[in-house]
Amino acid sequence: MNKRSLKNLTIPQYLSLGFLLVILTGATLLSLPIASKSGQATPFIDALFTAVSATCVTGQVIYNTVEHWSHFGQIVIITMIEIGGLGVMTILVLLTLFLGKKLQLKDRLLIHESLNLKESNDASEIVKYVIKFSLSVQAIGALILSTQLIPQFGVLKGIYYSIFHAISAFCNAGFDLFGDSLMSYQNNPVIIMTIAGLIIFGGLGFIVWRDLFTYRKNKHLLLQTRLVLILTVILLVSGTVLYIITEYNTETFSGLSLGSMVMNSFFMSTTARTAGYANVNYSTLSIATLFLTCILMFIGGASGSTAGGIKVTTIAVLFLYLRASIKGEHVVFKKRGITNEIVLKSITLLVISLLLIVVSTFILSITEVIPPGFGIEYILVEVFSCFGTVGLTMGLTPNLSVVGKLLLSLLMFMGRVGLLTVIMSFSHQRKTDGIRYPNGHIMIG
């Protein structure tokens, strides 16, 4: 691709291409013999799947991370997680600033698009803030985790594990070096609550935290911030309560005290919204719990964050639209109107997402083998998990066919880059010459 072609790329194409380049570079490095503990080359399709999962901060793994990948491979993975979590364009703009170059208009527009900003005139300041905030939160998280992991693994390994999991949790990736995710730490409130805190910090979004930190000065919160906070609290609390109800009489929390049961239910409510760390065995959960998990994975976190899903603000707009439609009013929140453009985008995103999940589930039900004792939920959890860039599984990931790996890789890519962004990368606006057609009548309902 020559320089002229690059200049003609649209912003969605820039964003998609940026993620694609990181994925292909990571896949190439992971396929090298030096990246595996055995010293043998990893099949490229498996390396590609892992690279997509890391860059798209999902956590779906074909191989056990600590058993298969060498230190080199693990560092490649965590680097892709950091780049994918902060955003490829954020890193590129940071390098531009580091080299002393000025941001061009397209650079500012890229930051605006990747972080879902309304204004882009202070893009350089926003990028600096994103980097400082992210590294600060990850450093604090790693420090807290080290109080538990250094006594368990020793100084060097404990520090390495603390940094790895702090980055992975903040970026909502879900990659772990423990071998069984967090199932061994069900009774460790420091580990469980620190990881949960990092997930929430990353999932709320950089702009929300920036708005909160400047509240004392501005005495005002953005509409985006208020919607995100309200929906996040509702989802975390309701998810915790519902997990307790659906798993109360099962063996999931057997042996745990009431406090530990509430803590682990809260963690399940947190991790299902795009983090993917498993504190329980999801293959043994009830159908009601799995259904609830799929709903939370589908919703995800906030726009402009490290989280996936269709985003809490999309769900909020859809509910506000539903309420307004029933009452015959305009869509309003906190005395502020929601434009028809935002409402239509939300509806479009919901419809396309559901269609994508239905088609993907149908294809995988043909290409994949469902073990005895399991039903369609075995595939559904995987599809919702990859689309929401979560990383939870009932055991399908290591047994995926080539078609399954490619399809789920595409889902992860769309889930992280943004469904509408990817679609817009391949779409071309057609000129209509101002032609307007007469309205037709269709009966619905």
Protein backbone atom coordinates (compact mmCIF):
# COMPACT_ATOMS: atom_id res chain seq x y z
CA MET A 1 0.00 0.00 0.00
CA ASN A 2 1.56 3.28 -1.12
CA LYS A 3 1.51 6.65 0.63
CA ARG A 4 -1.26 7.96 -1.58
CA SER A 5 -3.53 5.01 -0.76
CA LEU A 6 -2.95 5.55 2.96
CA LYS A 7 -3.97 9.19 2.69
CA ASN A 8 -7.22 8.17 1.02
CA LEU A 9 -8.22 5.80 3.83
CA THR A 10 -11.22 6.75 5.93
CA ILE A 11 -10.96 6.97 9.73
CA PRO A 12 -12.76 3.61 10.28
CA GLN A 13 -10.33 2.04 7.80
CA TYR A 14 -7.36 3.52 9.67
CA LEU A 15 -8.64 2.09 12.96
CA SER A 16 -9.33 -1.36 11.49
CA LEU A 17 -5.99 -1.45 9.68
CA GLY A 18 -4.12 -0.41 12.84
CA PHE A 19 -5.55 -3.31 14.86
CA LEU A 20 -4.99 -5.69 11.95
CA LEU A 21 -1.30 -4.80 11.69
CA VAL A 22 -0.75 -5.33 15.43
CA ILE A 23 -2.54 -8.70 15.23
CA LEU A 24 -0.52 -9.94 12.25
CA THR A 25 2.76 -8.81 13.82
CA GLY A 26 1.85 -10.52 17.10
CA ALA A 27 0.74 -13.70 15.33
CA THR A 28 4.03 -13.88 13.45
CA LEU A 29 6.04 -13.49 16.66
CA LEU A 30 3.92 -16.07 18.52
CA SER A 31 4.38 -18.61 15.73
CA LEU A 32 8.16 -18.54 16.20
CA PRO A 33 9.80 -21.44 18.12
CA ILE A 34 11.17 -18.97 20.71
CA ALA A 35 7.60 -18.08 21.73
CA SER A 36 6.75 -21.58 23.01
CA LYS A 37 8.20 -23.42 26.00
CA SER A 38 8.75 -26.54 23.92
CA GLY A 39 10.92 -24.62 21.45
CA GLN A 40 8.69 -25.75 18.58
CA ALA A 41 6.81 -23.46 16.22
CA THR A 42 3.14 -22.92 17.06
CA PRO A 43 0.70 -23.45 14.14
CA PHE A 44 0.01 -20.04 12.60
CA ILE A 45 -3.77 -20.39 12.92
CA ASP A 46 -3.38 -20.91 16.69
CA ALA A 47 -0.89 -18.04 16.96
CA LEU A 48 -3.30 -15.84 14.99
CA PHE A 49 -6.23 -16.75 17.26
CA THR A 50 -4.14 -15.95 20.35
CA ALA A 51 -2.96 -12.65 18.83
CA VAL A 52 -6.54 -11.63 18.04
CA SER A 53 -7.65 -12.62 21.54
CA ALA A 54 -4.83 -10.58 23.13
CA THR A 55 -5.07 -7.47 20.92
CA CYS A 56 -8.86 -7.48 21.14
CA VAL A 57 -8.49 -7.92 24.94
CA THR A 58 -10.66 -11.02 25.04
CA GLY A 59 -8.82 -13.80 26.85
CA GLN A 60 -10.11 -16.74 24.82
CA VAL A 61 -7.18 -19.18 24.75
CA ILE A 62 -6.44 -22.36 22.82
CA TYR A 63 -3.37 -23.11 24.95
CA ASN A 64 -2.86 -22.68 28.67
CA THR A 65 -0.88 -19.42 28.75
CA VAL A 66 1.59 -20.39 31.47
CA GLU A 67 2.15 -23.94 30.17
CA HIS A 68 2.49 -23.33 26.43
CA TRP A 69 4.07 -19.90 25.99
CA SER A 70 7.63 -19.03 26.97
CA HIS A 71 8.51 -15.75 28.73
CA PHE A 72 9.04 -14.25 25.27
CA GLY A 73 5.58 -15.40 24.16
CA GLN A 74 3.98 -14.13 27.36
CA ILE A 75 5.63 -10.70 26.94
CA VAL A 76 4.37 -10.55 23.34
CA ILE A 77 0.86 -11.36 24.60
CA ILE A 78 0.84 -8.78 27.41
CA THR A 79 2.25 -6.15 25.02
CA MET A 80 -0.60 -6.79 22.58
CA ILE A 81 -3.05 -6.60 25.49
CA GLU A 82 -1.70 -3.19 26.53
CA ILE A 83 -1.80 -1.88 22.95
CA GLY A 84 -5.28 -3.28 22.37
CA GLY A 85 -6.59 -1.99 25.69
CA LEU A 86 -5.30 1.56 25.34
CA GLY A 87 -6.06 1.62 21.62
CA VAL A 88 -3.71 1.29 18.68
CA MET A 89 -4.22 4.90 17.65
CA THR A 90 -3.53 6.13 21.18
CA ILE A 91 -0.14 4.41 21.10
CA LEU A 92 0.66 5.75 17.63
CA VAL A 93 -0.24 9.31 18.62
CA LEU A 94 1.87 8.92 21.78
CA LEU A 95 4.86 7.92 19.64
CA THR A 96 4.24 10.93 17.39
CA LEU A 97 4.28 13.25 20.42
CA PHE A 98 7.35 11.49 21.83
CA LEU A 99 9.23 12.17 18.58
CA GLY A 100 8.35 15.85 18.91
CA LYS A 101 6.00 15.96 15.93
CA LYS A 102 2.75 17.92 15.85
CA LEU A 103 -0.58 16.18 15.51
CA GLN A 104 -2.26 16.55 12.15
CA LEU A 105 -6.03 16.99 11.81
CA LYS A 106 -6.42 13.31 10.88
CA ASP A 107 -4.54 12.25 14.03
CA ARG A 108 -6.99 14.25 16.13
CA LEU A 109 -9.96 12.77 14.32
CA LEU A 110 -8.56 9.27 14.88
CA ILE A 111 -8.35 9.87 18.63
CA HIS A 112 -11.85 11.32 18.53
CA GLU A 113 -13.15 8.19 16.80
CA SER A 114 -11.21 5.60 18.83
CA LEU A 115 -12.16 7.09 22.22
CA ASN A 116 -15.69 8.13 21.20
CA LEU A 117 -15.05 11.81 21.90
CA LYS A 118 -17.32 14.62 20.87
CA GLU A 119 -14.51 17.13 20.52
CA SER A 120 -10.98 16.51 19.23
CA ASN A 121 -9.19 19.85 19.64
CA ASP A 122 -7.25 18.70 22.72
CA ALA A 123 -6.32 15.24 21.42
CA SER A 124 -2.69 15.43 22.58
CA GLU A 125 -3.74 16.24 26.16
CA ILE A 126 -6.29 13.43 26.14
CA VAL A 127 -3.70 10.90 24.93
CA LYS A 128 -1.26 11.97 27.66
CA TYR A 129 -4.04 11.67 30.23
CA VAL A 130 -5.06 8.20 28.99
CA ILE A 131 -1.48 6.91 29.27
CA LYS A 132 -0.84 8.46 32.71
CA PHE A 133 -4.16 7.27 34.10
CA SER A 134 -3.77 3.73 32.75
CA LEU A 135 -0.20 3.24 33.95
CA SER A 136 -1.01 4.71 37.37
CA VAL A 137 -4.01 2.42 37.94
CA GLN A 138 -2.06 -0.62 36.68
CA ALA A 139 0.88 0.23 38.96
CA ILE A 140 -1.39 0.52 42.03
CA GLY A 141 -3.13 -2.73 41.10
CA ALA A 142 0.19 -4.53 40.64
CA LEU A 143 1.42 -3.23 44.00
CA ILE A 144 -1.64 -4.56 45.82
CA LEU A 145 -1.47 -7.92 44.01
CA SER A 146 2.21 -8.24 44.89
CA THR A 147 1.33 -8.36 48.60
CA GLN A 148 -0.27 -11.75 47.88
CA LEU A 149 1.75 -13.07 44.95
CA ILE A 150 5.30 -12.35 46.20
CA PRO A 151 4.82 -14.50 49.34
CA GLN A 152 3.37 -17.24 47.13
CA PHE A 153 5.78 -17.20 44.15
CA GLY A 154 8.86 -15.35 45.38
CA VAL A 155 10.06 -11.81 44.63
CA LEU A 156 10.85 -11.88 40.88
CA LYS A 157 8.05 -14.23 39.83
CA GLY A 158 5.61 -12.50 42.19
CA ILE A 159 6.37 -9.06 40.72
CA TYR A 160 6.13 -10.44 37.16
CA TYR A 161 2.78 -12.11 37.89
CA SER A 162 1.48 -8.96 39.61
CA ILE A 163 2.32 -6.72 36.64
CA PHE A 164 0.97 -9.22 34.10
CA HIS A 165 -2.39 -9.63 35.82
CA ALA A 166 -2.75 -5.92 36.63
CA ILE A 167 -2.38 -5.08 32.92
CA SER A 168 -4.60 -7.96 31.84
CA ALA A 169 -7.36 -7.05 34.33
CA PHE A 170 -7.31 -3.29 33.65
CA CYS A 171 -7.45 -3.92 29.90
CA ASN A 172 -10.33 -6.38 30.51
CA ALA A 173 -8.36 -9.14 28.79
CA GLY A 174 -8.62 -12.10 31.18
CA PHE A 175 -5.29 -13.79 30.30
CA ASP A 176 -3.78 -15.46 33.36
CA LEU A 177 -0.59 -17.23 34.43
CA PHE A 178 -2.15 -19.26 37.24
CA GLY A 179 -3.37 -22.06 34.97
CA ASP A 180 -6.95 -22.08 36.29
CA SER A 181 -7.74 -18.35 36.05
CA LEU A 182 -8.83 -17.27 39.56
CA MET A 183 -10.52 -20.47 40.75
CA SER A 184 -7.75 -21.03 43.30
CA TYR A 185 -8.38 -17.60 44.85
CA GLN A 186 -12.09 -17.84 45.69
CA ASN A 187 -11.30 -17.24 49.37
CA ASN A 188 -8.72 -14.49 48.80
CA PRO A 189 -10.54 -11.12 49.00
CA VAL A 190 -7.39 -9.12 48.14
CA ILE A 191 -6.89 -10.92 44.81
CA ILE A 192 -10.59 -11.12 43.91
CA MET A 193 -11.49 -7.53 44.80
CA THR A 194 -8.29 -6.02 43.32
CA ILE A 195 -8.87 -7.76 39.99
CA ALA A 196 -12.55 -6.71 40.11
CA GLY A 197 -11.52 -3.12 40.84
CA LEU A 198 -9.09 -3.06 37.91
CA ILE A 199 -11.77 -4.47 35.61
CA ILE A 200 -14.24 -1.78 36.67
CA PHE A 201 -11.67 1.01 36.31
CA GLY A 202 -10.85 -0.12 32.78
CA GLY A 203 -14.48 -0.78 31.85
CA LEU A 204 -15.81 2.64 32.86
CA GLY A 205 -13.75 4.43 30.24
CA PHE A 206 -11.02 7.04 30.25
CA ILE A 207 -13.33 9.97 29.60
CA VAL A 208 -15.65 9.01 32.47
CA TRP A 209 -12.75 8.99 34.93
CA ARG A 210 -11.43 12.26 33.54
CA ASP A 211 -14.87 13.78 34.07
CA LEU A 212 -15.04 12.44 37.64
CA PHE A 213 -11.58 13.72 38.55
CA THR A 214 -12.43 17.23 37.32
CA TYR A 215 -15.86 17.32 39.00
CA ARG A 216 -14.68 19.41 41.96
CA LYS A 217 -13.47 22.03 39.51
CA ASN A 218 -16.32 21.91 36.98
CA LYS A 219 -19.20 21.02 39.34
CA HIS A 220 -20.76 19.23 36.40
CA LEU A 221 -20.79 15.72 34.95
CA LEU A 222 -21.23 14.88 31.28
CA LEU A 223 -24.44 13.16 30.24
CA GLN A 224 -22.27 10.22 29.13
CA THR A 225 -20.73 9.93 32.60
CA ARG A 226 -24.08 9.96 34.40
CA LEU A 227 -25.55 7.31 32.11
CA VAL A 228 -22.48 5.08 32.42
CA LEU A 229 -22.36 5.31 36.23
CA ILE A 230 -26.09 4.65 36.70
CA LEU A 231 -26.15 1.64 34.35
CA THR A 232 -22.88 0.24 35.75
CA VAL A 233 -24.16 0.31 39.33
CA ILE A 234 -27.49 -1.23 38.29
CA LEU A 235 -25.79 -4.03 36.36
CA LEU A 236 -23.22 -4.79 39.08
CA VAL A 237 -25.78 -4.88 41.91
CA SER A 238 -28.51 -6.73 40.00
CA GLY A 239 -25.95 -9.16 38.56
CA THR A 240 -24.60 -9.95 42.03
CA VAL A 241 -28.07 -10.58 43.45
CA LEU A 242 -29.16 -12.72 40.49
CA TYR A 243 -25.98 -14.84 40.60
CA ILE A 244 -26.62 -15.55 44.29
CA ILE A 245 -30.21 -16.56 43.46
CA THR A 246 -29.35 -18.77 40.48
CA GLU A 247 -26.44 -20.56 42.18
CA TYR A 248 -27.56 -20.55 45.82
CA ASN A 249 -28.66 -24.21 45.90
CA THR A 250 -25.89 -25.53 43.63
CA GLU A 251 -22.35 -26.74 44.34
CA THR A 252 -20.77 -23.59 42.84
CA PHE A 253 -20.41 -21.81 46.18
CA SER A 254 -20.37 -24.89 48.41
CA GLY A 255 -17.84 -24.52 51.19
CA LEU A 256 -17.87 -20.72 50.98
CA SER A 257 -19.06 -18.45 53.76
CA LEU A 258 -21.90 -15.98 53.10
CA GLY A 259 -19.39 -13.15 52.72
CA SER A 260 -17.27 -15.12 50.24
CA MET A 261 -20.39 -16.12 48.31
CA VAL A 262 -21.43 -12.47 47.93
CA MET A 263 -17.88 -11.48 46.98
CA ASN A 264 -17.61 -14.19 44.31
CA SER A 265 -21.07 -13.34 42.95
CA PHE A 266 -20.00 -9.71 42.68
CA PHE A 267 -16.86 -10.82 40.85
CA MET A 268 -18.93 -12.91 38.43
CA SER A 269 -21.13 -9.87 37.78
CA THR A 270 -17.99 -7.80 37.13
CA THR A 271 -15.98 -10.22 35.00
CA ALA A 272 -18.91 -11.18 32.76
CA ARG A 273 -18.98 -7.62 31.42
CA THR A 274 -15.89 -8.21 29.24
CA ALA A 275 -13.03 -9.25 31.56
CA GLY A 276 -13.18 -13.03 31.32
CA TYR A 277 -11.43 -14.03 34.54
CA ALA A 278 -13.13 -17.17 35.88
CA ASN A 279 -13.47 -17.66 39.63
CA VAL A 280 -15.79 -20.65 39.07
CA ASN A 281 -16.01 -23.51 36.55
CA TYR A 282 -18.49 -22.23 33.95
CA SER A 283 -19.12 -25.71 32.56
CA THR A 284 -20.88 -26.65 35.82
CA LEU A 285 -23.14 -23.60 36.16
CA SER A 286 -26.93 -23.68 35.86
CA ILE A 287 -28.66 -22.70 32.62
CA ALA A 288 -30.11 -19.61 34.34
CA THR A 289 -26.62 -18.47 35.36
CA LEU A 290 -25.24 -19.03 31.86
CA PHE A 291 -28.17 -17.10 30.35
CA LEU A 292 -27.52 -14.20 32.74
CA THR A 293 -23.82 -14.31 31.85
CA CYS A 294 -24.62 -14.11 28.13
CA ILE A 295 -26.79 -11.02 28.73
CA LEU A 296 -24.02 -9.28 30.69
CA MET A 297 -21.40 -10.24 28.08
CA PHE A 298 -23.63 -8.81 25.34
CA ILE A 299 -24.05 -5.48 27.15
CA GLY A 300 -20.38 -5.02 28.08
CA GLY A 301 -18.86 -1.84 29.51
CA ALA A 302 -18.67 1.83 28.55
CA SER A 303 -17.83 3.41 25.22
CA GLY A 304 -14.24 4.62 24.93
CA SER A 305 -13.07 2.06 27.50
CA THR A 306 -11.12 -1.20 27.41
CA ALA A 307 -14.41 -3.12 27.48
CA GLY A 308 -16.38 -4.75 24.67
CA GLY A 309 -20.07 -5.54 24.13
CA ILE A 310 -22.61 -3.18 22.58
CA LYS A 311 -21.93 -0.85 25.57
CA VAL A 312 -24.05 0.30 28.51
CA THR A 313 -24.84 3.63 26.87
CA THR A 314 -26.37 1.83 23.88
CA ILE A 315 -28.65 -0.13 26.22
CA ALA A 316 -29.50 3.07 28.11
CA VAL A 317 -30.48 4.89 24.90
CA LEU A 318 -32.63 1.93 23.80
CA PHE A 319 -34.49 1.89 27.13
CA LEU A 320 -34.96 5.66 27.02
CA TYR A 321 -36.29 5.36 23.47
CA LEU A 322 -38.64 2.53 24.49
CA ARG A 323 -39.98 4.59 27.40
CA ALA A 324 -40.41 7.68 25.23
CA SER A 325 -42.18 5.67 22.49
CA ILE A 326 -44.67 4.22 24.96
CA LYS A 327 -45.42 7.69 26.38
CA GLY A 328 -45.39 9.36 22.96
CA GLU A 329 -42.64 11.76 24.00
CA HIS A 330 -39.18 12.78 22.78
CA VAL A 331 -36.17 10.80 24.04
CA VAL A 332 -34.89 12.74 27.06
CA PHE A 333 -32.48 12.10 29.94
CA LYS A 334 -31.81 14.58 32.75
CA LYS A 335 -33.49 17.41 30.81
CA ARG A 336 -31.29 16.73 27.78
CA GLY A 337 -32.67 15.44 24.48
CA ILE A 338 -31.15 12.42 22.74
CA THR A 339 -30.88 12.97 18.97
CA ASN A 340 -32.57 10.68 16.44
CA GLU A 341 -29.12 9.93 15.00
CA ILE A 342 -27.94 8.40 18.29
CA VAL A 343 -31.19 6.46 18.69
CA LEU A 344 -30.96 5.06 15.15
CA LYS A 345 -27.29 4.12 15.65
CA SER A 346 -28.23 2.27 18.85
CA ILE A 347 -31.04 0.36 17.13
CA THR A 348 -28.78 -0.47 14.16
CA LEU A 349 -26.04 -1.71 16.49
CA LEU A 350 -28.49 -3.91 18.42
CA VAL A 351 -30.03 -5.47 15.29
CA ILE A 352 -26.71 -6.15 13.53
CA SER A 353 -25.17 -7.56 16.73
CA LEU A 354 -28.06 -9.97 17.26
CA LEU A 355 -27.96 -11.06 13.61
CA LEU A 356 -24.22 -11.64 13.85
CA ILE A 357 -24.63 -13.75 16.99
CA VAL A 358 -27.47 -15.81 15.46
CA VAL A 359 -25.52 -16.51 12.23
CA SER A 360 -22.30 -17.32 14.13
CA THR A 361 -24.10 -19.69 16.48
CA PHE A 362 -25.75 -21.47 13.55
CA ILE A 363 -22.42 -21.92 11.72
CA LEU A 364 -20.63 -23.17 14.85
CA SER A 365 -23.45 -25.62 15.58
CA ILE A 366 -22.55 -27.23 12.24
CA THR A 367 -18.73 -27.07 12.44
CA GLU A 368 -18.17 -27.81 16.16
CA VAL A 369 -18.82 -30.89 18.30
CA ILE A 370 -21.00 -30.48 21.39
CA PRO A 371 -19.95 -32.98 24.12
CA PRO A 372 -22.55 -35.28 25.72
CA GLY A 373 -24.41 -33.58 28.56
CA PHE A 374 -24.24 -30.13 26.97
CA GLY A 375 -26.66 -28.27 24.71
CA ILE A 376 -26.59 -25.17 22.53
CA GLU A 377 -25.41 -23.15 25.55
CA TYR A 378 -21.96 -24.72 24.98
CA ILE A 379 -21.70 -22.71 21.75
CA LEU A 380 -23.76 -19.68 22.79
CA VAL A 381 -21.45 -18.82 25.69
CA GLU A 382 -18.47 -18.95 23.33
CA VAL A 383 -20.15 -16.70 20.73
CA PHE A 384 -21.33 -14.11 23.25
CA SER A 385 -17.93 -14.24 24.94
CA CYS A 386 -15.99 -13.56 21.73
CA PHE A 387 -18.38 -10.88 20.49
CA GLY A 388 -18.25 -9.13 23.88
CA THR A 389 -14.45 -9.65 24.07
CA VAL A 390 -14.92 -11.42 27.41
CA GLY A 391 -12.96 -14.66 27.43
CA LEU A 392 -15.27 -17.00 29.33
CA THR A 393 -15.78 -20.52 27.98
CA MET A 394 -17.41 -23.82 28.84
CA GLY A 395 -14.49 -25.68 27.25
CA LEU A 396 -15.03 -25.19 23.52
CA THR A 397 -12.05 -22.90 22.77
CA PRO A 398 -9.23 -25.53 22.90
CA ASN A 399 -11.30 -27.86 20.68
CA LEU A 400 -12.29 -25.38 17.97
CA SER A 401 -12.11 -26.35 14.30
CA VAL A 402 -10.24 -24.12 11.83
CA VAL A 403 -13.57 -22.58 10.74
CA GLY A 404 -14.46 -21.98 14.40
CA LYS A 405 -11.13 -20.27 15.10
CA LEU A 406 -11.47 -17.97 12.09
CA LEU A 407 -15.11 -17.12 12.80
CA LEU A 408 -14.52 -16.37 16.48
CA SER A 409 -11.42 -14.35 15.58
CA LEU A 410 -13.63 -12.20 13.35
CA LEU A 411 -16.14 -11.79 16.18
CA MET A 412 -13.42 -10.69 18.60
CA PHE A 413 -12.05 -8.23 16.04
CA MET A 414 -15.49 -6.71 15.45
CA GLY A 415 -16.21 -6.62 19.16
CA ARG A 416 -13.04 -4.67 20.00
CA VAL A 417 -12.64 -2.36 17.02
CA GLY A 418 -16.36 -1.68 17.00
CA LEU A 419 -19.04 -3.30 14.87
CA LEU A 420 -20.08 -0.07 13.15
CA THR A 421 -16.42 0.93 12.62
CA VAL A 422 -15.63 -2.36 10.87
CA ILE A 423 -18.79 -2.15 8.72
CA MET A 424 -18.00 1.45 7.78
CA SER A 425 -14.48 0.34 6.76
CA PHE A 426 -15.97 -1.68 3.91
CA SER A 427 -18.91 0.55 3.05
CA HIS A 428 -18.97 3.21 0.35
CA GLN A 429 -21.46 6.05 0.38
CA ARG A 430 -23.53 6.22 -2.77
CA LYS A 431 -24.59 9.51 -4.25
CA THR A 432 -28.35 9.88 -4.50
CA ASP A 433 -28.33 13.26 -6.27
CA GLY A 434 -30.84 14.54 -3.74
CA ILE A 435 -33.54 12.09 -4.89
CA ARG A 436 -36.29 11.44 -2.32
CA TYR A 437 -38.84 8.69 -2.83
CA PRO A 438 -42.49 8.75 -1.71
CA ASN A 439 -43.28 6.96 1.55
CA GLY A 440 -44.82 3.51 1.48
CA HIS A 441 -47.04 1.87 4.10
CA ILE A 442 -46.15 -1.39 5.83
CA MET A 443 -48.16 -3.03 8.61
CA ILE A 444 -46.06 -4.17 11.58
CA GLY A 445 -46.76 -5.88 14.90
